Amino acid sequence: MAHATLMVAPAVDRSVEVLFVDDDQGQREMYRRRLEREGYRVRLADSAESAADQVRARCPQVVVLDIAMPGRDGLSALQELLDIAPALPVIINTAYPAFTDNFLAWAADAYVEKTSEIAPLLRAIHGATTEGAVG
């Protein structure tokens, strides 16, 4: 008799704090709820400026960053965040796959397209926080 292998999600370190940056309030709240259900502590920022201020005040273990935001976009924020905290893992989370061709996006630890499926983002967060990138 063949046995099915049960795929178990990796255990989440409940001390991992995620800074989720998106200008859309509905997106921020939806992702906050979903990430908290997975065991992450979540802070929110609605702009590049707010994200940089929060990283300066208390650096999270990982940042999930939207690109298309009014004012300063996520790519300019990415560089500033890495200037503040060079070892900070940053995951780009955007609905626009064309940004993968932009060399400024290459500084991110991962690039995840927004979809209704959160699993790719969870894998990216888990990878960024367990591969020695977090101190």
N, C-alpha and C. Protein backbone atom coordinates (compact mmCIF):
# COMPACT_ATOMS: atom_id res chain seq x y z
N MET A 1 0.85 -1.18 0.00
CA MET A 1 0.00 0.00 0.00
C MET A 1 0.89 1.24 0.00
N ALA A 2 0.64 2.15 -0.88
CA ALA A 2 1.41 3.39 -0.96
C ALA A 2 0.95 4.35 0.12
N HIS A 3 1.90 5.08 0.68
CA HIS A 3 1.58 6.06 1.70
C HIS A 3 1.72 7.46 1.11
N ALA A 4 0.74 8.28 1.39
CA ALA A 4 0.80 9.67 0.92
C ALA A 4 1.72 10.45 1.84
N THR A 5 2.50 11.33 1.27
CA THR A 5 3.37 12.19 2.06
C THR A 5 2.64 13.48 2.35
N LEU A 6 2.55 13.82 3.60
CA LEU A 6 1.87 15.04 4.01
C LEU A 6 2.87 16.19 3.95
N MET A 7 2.53 17.23 3.20
CA MET A 7 3.38 18.40 3.10
C MET A 7 3.03 19.34 4.25
N VAL A 8 3.95 19.54 5.14
CA VAL A 8 3.73 20.40 6.28
C VAL A 8 4.48 21.71 6.05
N ALA A 9 3.81 22.82 6.29
CA ALA A 9 4.47 24.11 6.14
C ALA A 9 5.55 24.24 7.18
N PRO A 10 6.66 24.92 6.85
CA PRO A 10 7.72 25.11 7.82
C PRO A 10 7.20 25.88 9.03
N ALA A 11 7.73 25.53 10.19
CA ALA A 11 7.33 26.23 11.40
C ALA A 11 7.79 27.68 11.32
N VAL A 12 6.92 28.57 11.76
CA VAL A 12 7.24 29.99 11.74
C VAL A 12 7.80 30.39 13.09
N ASP A 13 8.92 31.08 13.05
CA ASP A 13 9.49 31.67 14.25
C ASP A 13 8.63 32.86 14.61
N ARG A 14 7.89 32.76 15.70
CA ARG A 14 6.92 33.80 16.06
C ARG A 14 7.58 35.12 16.46
N SER A 15 8.90 35.14 16.53
CA SER A 15 9.58 36.40 16.83
C SER A 15 9.87 37.18 15.55
N VAL A 16 9.61 36.58 14.39
CA VAL A 16 9.89 37.25 13.12
C VAL A 16 8.87 38.36 12.89
N GLU A 17 9.40 39.56 12.71
CA GLU A 17 8.55 40.72 12.45
C GLU A 17 8.70 41.13 10.99
N VAL A 18 7.56 41.26 10.32
CA VAL A 18 7.51 41.64 8.92
C VAL A 18 6.98 43.07 8.83
N LEU A 19 7.68 43.91 8.07
CA LEU A 19 7.17 45.23 7.75
C LEU A 19 6.57 45.13 6.35
N PHE A 20 5.25 45.30 6.25
CA PHE A 20 4.55 45.18 4.97
C PHE A 20 4.25 46.58 4.46
N VAL A 21 4.77 46.91 3.27
CA VAL A 21 4.66 48.26 2.72
C VAL A 21 3.82 48.23 1.44
N ASP A 22 2.69 48.93 1.50
CA ASP A 22 1.81 49.01 0.33
C ASP A 22 0.93 50.25 0.51
N ASP A 23 0.72 50.99 -0.56
CA ASP A 23 -0.11 52.20 -0.46
C ASP A 23 -1.60 51.89 -0.37
N ASP A 24 -2.01 50.69 -0.73
CA ASP A 24 -3.42 50.31 -0.72
C ASP A 24 -3.81 49.76 0.65
N GLN A 25 -4.69 50.47 1.34
CA GLN A 25 -5.08 50.07 2.70
C GLN A 25 -5.70 48.68 2.73
N GLY A 26 -6.53 48.36 1.76
CA GLY A 26 -7.15 47.04 1.72
C GLY A 26 -6.11 45.94 1.58
N GLN A 27 -5.12 46.15 0.72
CA GLN A 27 -4.04 45.18 0.55
C GLN A 27 -3.26 45.01 1.85
N ARG A 28 -2.92 46.14 2.48
CA ARG A 28 -2.16 46.08 3.73
C ARG A 28 -2.90 45.25 4.77
N GLU A 29 -4.17 45.51 4.94
CA GLU A 29 -4.95 44.81 5.97
C GLU A 29 -5.13 43.34 5.63
N MET A 30 -5.38 43.03 4.36
CA MET A 30 -5.54 41.63 3.96
C MET A 30 -4.26 40.84 4.23
N TYR A 31 -3.13 41.40 3.80
CA TYR A 31 -1.86 40.70 4.01
C TYR A 31 -1.50 40.63 5.49
N ARG A 32 -1.80 41.68 6.24
CA ARG A 32 -1.53 41.65 7.68
C ARG A 32 -2.26 40.48 8.32
N ARG A 33 -3.55 40.36 8.03
CA ARG A 33 -4.34 39.26 8.61
C ARG A 33 -3.79 37.90 8.20
N ARG A 34 -3.46 37.76 6.93
CA ARG A 34 -2.98 36.47 6.45
C ARG A 34 -1.62 36.11 7.04
N LEU A 35 -0.73 37.09 7.13
CA LEU A 35 0.60 36.83 7.71
C LEU A 35 0.50 36.56 9.21
N GLU A 36 -0.35 37.29 9.90
CA GLU A 36 -0.52 37.04 11.34
C GLU A 36 -1.09 35.65 11.58
N ARG A 37 -2.00 35.20 10.71
CA ARG A 37 -2.54 33.83 10.84
C ARG A 37 -1.44 32.79 10.70
N GLU A 38 -0.41 33.12 9.94
CA GLU A 38 0.71 32.20 9.75
C GLU A 38 1.71 32.29 10.91
N GLY A 39 1.51 33.24 11.81
CA GLY A 39 2.36 33.34 12.98
C GLY A 39 3.36 34.48 12.98
N TYR A 40 3.35 35.30 11.94
CA TYR A 40 4.28 36.43 11.89
C TYR A 40 3.72 37.63 12.66
N ARG A 41 4.61 38.43 13.22
CA ARG A 41 4.22 39.73 13.75
C ARG A 41 4.35 40.70 12.59
N VAL A 42 3.36 41.57 12.41
CA VAL A 42 3.32 42.42 11.23
C VAL A 42 3.16 43.89 11.62
N ARG A 43 4.00 44.72 11.02
CA ARG A 43 3.83 46.17 11.07
C ARG A 43 3.50 46.62 9.66
N LEU A 44 2.82 47.75 9.55
CA LEU A 44 2.39 48.25 8.25
C LEU A 44 2.96 49.63 7.97
N ALA A 45 3.23 49.87 6.68
CA ALA A 45 3.64 51.20 6.23
C ALA A 45 2.89 51.47 4.93
N ASP A 46 2.49 52.74 4.74
CA ASP A 46 1.71 53.07 3.55
C ASP A 46 2.51 53.83 2.48
N SER A 47 3.80 54.02 2.73
CA SER A 47 4.62 54.76 1.77
C SER A 47 6.09 54.42 1.95
N ALA A 48 6.89 54.83 0.98
CA ALA A 48 8.34 54.63 1.07
C ALA A 48 8.90 55.38 2.27
N GLU A 49 8.42 56.60 2.49
CA GLU A 49 8.91 57.41 3.61
C GLU A 49 8.60 56.75 4.95
N SER A 50 7.37 56.27 5.09
CA SER A 50 6.96 55.61 6.32
C SER A 50 7.80 54.35 6.56
N ALA A 51 8.06 53.60 5.51
CA ALA A 51 8.87 52.38 5.64
C ALA A 51 10.28 52.72 6.12
N ALA A 52 10.90 53.73 5.52
CA ALA A 52 12.26 54.12 5.93
C ALA A 52 12.27 54.60 7.38
N ASP A 53 11.27 55.38 7.77
CA ASP A 53 11.18 55.84 9.17
C ASP A 53 11.06 54.66 10.13
N GLN A 54 10.24 53.68 9.76
CA GLN A 54 10.06 52.53 10.64
C GLN A 54 11.31 51.67 10.74
N VAL A 55 12.02 51.51 9.63
CA VAL A 55 13.27 50.73 9.66
C VAL A 55 14.31 51.44 10.52
N ARG A 56 14.36 52.75 10.42
CA ARG A 56 15.29 53.51 11.28
C ARG A 56 14.93 53.36 12.75
N ALA A 57 13.64 53.39 13.07
CA ALA A 57 13.19 53.34 14.46
C ALA A 57 13.38 51.96 15.07
N ARG A 58 13.02 50.92 14.34
CA ARG A 58 13.15 49.54 14.83
C ARG A 58 13.14 48.62 13.62
N CYS A 59 14.27 48.09 13.31
CA CYS A 59 14.44 47.28 12.10
C CYS A 59 13.70 45.94 12.23
N PRO A 60 12.85 45.63 11.26
CA PRO A 60 12.17 44.33 11.25
C PRO A 60 13.13 43.24 10.76
N GLN A 61 12.69 42.01 10.78
CA GLN A 61 13.51 40.92 10.25
C GLN A 61 13.41 40.83 8.73
N VAL A 62 12.31 41.33 8.16
CA VAL A 62 12.11 41.30 6.71
C VAL A 62 11.11 42.39 6.32
N VAL A 63 11.30 42.94 5.12
CA VAL A 63 10.37 43.92 4.57
C VAL A 63 9.75 43.34 3.31
N VAL A 64 8.43 43.46 3.21
CA VAL A 64 7.71 43.11 1.98
C VAL A 64 7.28 44.44 1.38
N LEU A 65 7.75 44.71 0.16
CA LEU A 65 7.68 46.05 -0.42
C LEU A 65 6.96 46.06 -1.76
N ASP A 66 5.91 46.86 -1.85
CA ASP A 66 5.24 47.10 -3.13
C ASP A 66 6.11 48.05 -3.95
N ILE A 67 5.98 48.01 -5.26
CA ILE A 67 6.77 48.92 -6.10
C ILE A 67 5.94 50.12 -6.54
N ALA A 68 4.75 49.87 -7.07
CA ALA A 68 3.94 50.95 -7.64
C ALA A 68 3.18 51.66 -6.52
N MET A 69 3.78 52.76 -6.04
CA MET A 69 3.16 53.58 -5.00
C MET A 69 3.27 55.02 -5.43
N PRO A 70 2.30 55.85 -5.05
CA PRO A 70 2.40 57.27 -5.39
C PRO A 70 3.56 57.91 -4.64
N GLY A 71 4.06 59.00 -5.18
CA GLY A 71 5.23 59.63 -4.56
C GLY A 71 6.45 58.81 -4.92
N ARG A 72 7.24 58.46 -3.93
CA ARG A 72 8.42 57.61 -4.18
C ARG A 72 7.99 56.18 -4.37
N ASP A 73 8.51 55.55 -5.40
CA ASP A 73 8.15 54.16 -5.64
C ASP A 73 9.00 53.22 -4.80
N GLY A 74 8.64 51.96 -4.84
CA GLY A 74 9.32 50.96 -4.05
C GLY A 74 10.78 50.74 -4.43
N LEU A 75 11.13 50.98 -5.69
CA LEU A 75 12.52 50.78 -6.09
C LEU A 75 13.44 51.81 -5.44
N SER A 76 12.99 53.05 -5.35
CA SER A 76 13.83 54.04 -4.66
C SER A 76 13.84 53.75 -3.16
N ALA A 77 12.73 53.26 -2.64
CA ALA A 77 12.68 52.89 -1.22
C ALA A 77 13.61 51.71 -0.94
N LEU A 78 13.68 50.77 -1.86
CA LEU A 78 14.55 49.60 -1.68
C LEU A 78 15.99 50.05 -1.41
N GLN A 79 16.48 50.95 -2.22
CA GLN A 79 17.86 51.41 -2.04
C GLN A 79 18.03 52.11 -0.69
N GLU A 80 17.07 52.93 -0.30
CA GLU A 80 17.18 53.62 0.98
C GLU A 80 17.13 52.64 2.15
N LEU A 81 16.25 51.66 2.07
CA LEU A 81 16.16 50.66 3.14
C LEU A 81 17.48 49.91 3.30
N LEU A 82 18.10 49.58 2.17
CA LEU A 82 19.38 48.85 2.23
C LEU A 82 20.52 49.76 2.67
N ASP A 83 20.41 51.06 2.43
CA ASP A 83 21.40 52.00 2.96
C ASP A 83 21.29 52.07 4.48
N ILE A 84 20.07 52.02 5.00
CA ILE A 84 19.84 52.08 6.45
C ILE A 84 20.29 50.78 7.11
N ALA A 85 19.91 49.65 6.51
CA ALA A 85 20.19 48.33 7.09
C ALA A 85 20.64 47.39 5.97
N PRO A 86 21.93 47.35 5.66
CA PRO A 86 22.41 46.59 4.50
C PRO A 86 22.08 45.09 4.50
N ALA A 87 21.92 44.47 5.66
CA ALA A 87 21.62 43.04 5.70
C ALA A 87 20.13 42.75 5.75
N LEU A 88 19.30 43.78 5.69
CA LEU A 88 17.85 43.61 5.79
C LEU A 88 17.30 42.89 4.55
N PRO A 89 16.65 41.75 4.74
CA PRO A 89 16.02 41.09 3.60
C PRO A 89 14.80 41.88 3.14
N VAL A 90 14.73 42.15 1.85
CA VAL A 90 13.60 42.87 1.27
C VAL A 90 13.01 42.01 0.15
N ILE A 91 11.71 41.81 0.22
CA ILE A 91 10.99 41.04 -0.78
C ILE A 91 10.09 42.00 -1.53
N ILE A 92 10.26 42.07 -2.83
CA ILE A 92 9.37 42.88 -3.65
C ILE A 92 8.10 42.07 -3.90
N ASN A 93 6.96 42.70 -3.64
CA ASN A 93 5.66 42.07 -3.82
C ASN A 93 4.81 43.02 -4.67
N THR A 94 4.67 42.71 -5.94
CA THR A 94 4.00 43.63 -6.86
C THR A 94 3.13 42.90 -7.86
N ALA A 95 2.18 43.63 -8.39
CA ALA A 95 1.31 43.08 -9.43
C ALA A 95 1.91 43.26 -10.82
N TYR A 96 3.08 43.89 -10.92
CA TYR A 96 3.66 44.23 -12.21
C TYR A 96 4.94 43.42 -12.46
N PRO A 97 4.84 42.31 -13.21
CA PRO A 97 6.01 41.47 -13.44
C PRO A 97 7.10 42.13 -14.26
N ALA A 98 6.80 43.20 -14.99
CA ALA A 98 7.79 43.86 -15.83
C ALA A 98 8.95 44.42 -15.01
N PHE A 99 8.74 44.66 -13.73
CA PHE A 99 9.81 45.22 -12.90
C PHE A 99 10.96 44.24 -12.68
N THR A 100 10.77 42.96 -12.97
CA THR A 100 11.87 42.01 -12.80
C THR A 100 13.03 42.35 -13.73
N ASP A 101 12.75 43.06 -14.82
CA ASP A 101 13.79 43.45 -15.76
C ASP A 101 14.55 44.70 -15.32
N ASN A 102 14.07 45.38 -14.31
CA ASN A 102 14.70 46.61 -13.84
C ASN A 102 15.85 46.25 -12.91
N PHE A 103 17.06 46.64 -13.26
CA PHE A 103 18.22 46.25 -12.46
C PHE A 103 18.13 46.75 -11.03
N LEU A 104 17.38 47.81 -10.75
CA LEU A 104 17.23 48.29 -9.37
C LEU A 104 16.52 47.25 -8.51
N ALA A 105 15.66 46.44 -9.12
CA ALA A 105 14.93 45.41 -8.39
C ALA A 105 15.83 44.23 -8.02
N TRP A 106 16.96 44.10 -8.66
CA TRP A 106 17.85 42.96 -8.42
C TRP A 106 18.45 42.97 -7.02
N ALA A 107 18.41 44.10 -6.34
CA ALA A 107 18.96 44.17 -4.98
C ALA A 107 18.04 43.51 -3.97
N ALA A 108 16.81 43.21 -4.37
CA ALA A 108 15.86 42.55 -3.45
C ALA A 108 16.24 41.09 -3.28
N ASP A 109 15.87 40.53 -2.14
CA ASP A 109 16.14 39.12 -1.87
C ASP A 109 15.22 38.19 -2.65
N ALA A 110 14.02 38.68 -2.95
CA ALA A 110 13.06 37.88 -3.72
C ALA A 110 12.10 38.82 -4.42
N TYR A 111 11.45 38.30 -5.45
CA TYR A 111 10.49 39.06 -6.24
C TYR A 111 9.26 38.18 -6.38
N VAL A 112 8.14 38.61 -5.78
CA VAL A 112 6.93 37.80 -5.77
C VAL A 112 5.80 38.60 -6.40
N GLU A 113 5.14 38.00 -7.39
CA GLU A 113 3.98 38.66 -7.98
C GLU A 113 2.78 38.49 -7.07
N LYS A 114 2.00 39.57 -6.93
CA LYS A 114 0.78 39.51 -6.13
C LYS A 114 -0.24 38.65 -6.84
N THR A 115 -0.78 37.69 -6.11
CA THR A 115 -1.88 36.87 -6.60
C THR A 115 -2.78 36.58 -5.40
N SER A 116 -3.85 35.86 -5.64
CA SER A 116 -4.72 35.48 -4.54
C SER A 116 -4.08 34.38 -3.69
N GLU A 117 -3.02 33.77 -4.19
CA GLU A 117 -2.32 32.69 -3.48
C GLU A 117 -1.16 33.29 -2.69
N ILE A 118 -1.17 33.11 -1.38
CA ILE A 118 -0.14 33.71 -0.52
C ILE A 118 1.10 32.81 -0.36
N ALA A 119 1.00 31.55 -0.78
CA ALA A 119 2.11 30.60 -0.57
C ALA A 119 3.45 31.09 -1.13
N PRO A 120 3.53 31.67 -2.33
CA PRO A 120 4.84 32.14 -2.81
C PRO A 120 5.44 33.21 -1.90
N LEU A 121 4.62 34.11 -1.39
CA LEU A 121 5.12 35.13 -0.47
C LEU A 121 5.58 34.51 0.84
N LEU A 122 4.83 33.55 1.35
CA LEU A 122 5.22 32.88 2.60
C LEU A 122 6.55 32.16 2.42
N ARG A 123 6.74 31.50 1.28
CA ARG A 123 8.02 30.81 1.02
C ARG A 123 9.16 31.81 0.97
N ALA A 124 8.93 32.96 0.33
CA ALA A 124 9.97 33.98 0.23
C ALA A 124 10.32 34.54 1.60
N ILE A 125 9.32 34.81 2.43
CA ILE A 125 9.57 35.31 3.78
C ILE A 125 10.33 34.28 4.59
N HIS A 126 9.87 33.04 4.54
CA HIS A 126 10.54 31.98 5.28
C HIS A 126 11.99 31.83 4.83
N GLY A 127 12.21 31.84 3.53
CA GLY A 127 13.58 31.72 3.01
C GLY A 127 14.45 32.89 3.43
N ALA A 128 13.91 34.08 3.39
CA ALA A 128 14.69 35.27 3.73
C ALA A 128 15.04 35.34 5.22
N THR A 129 14.21 34.71 6.04
CA THR A 129 14.43 34.79 7.49
C THR A 129 15.12 33.56 8.05
N THR A 130 15.41 32.57 7.23
CA THR A 130 16.07 31.35 7.73
C THR A 130 17.40 31.07 7.07
N GLU A 131 17.77 31.83 6.06
CA GLU A 131 19.01 31.56 5.31
C GLU A 131 20.19 32.34 5.82
N GLY A 132 20.15 32.75 7.08
CA GLY A 132 21.29 33.48 7.62
C GLY A 132 21.26 34.95 7.27
N ALA A 133 20.18 35.39 6.58
CA ALA A 133 20.10 36.80 6.22
C ALA A 133 19.69 37.67 7.40
N VAL A 134 19.12 37.04 8.41
CA VAL A 134 18.62 37.79 9.56
C VAL A 134 19.60 37.65 10.71
N GLY A 135 19.89 38.76 11.33
CA GLY A 135 20.84 38.72 12.44
C GLY A 135 20.21 38.97 13.76
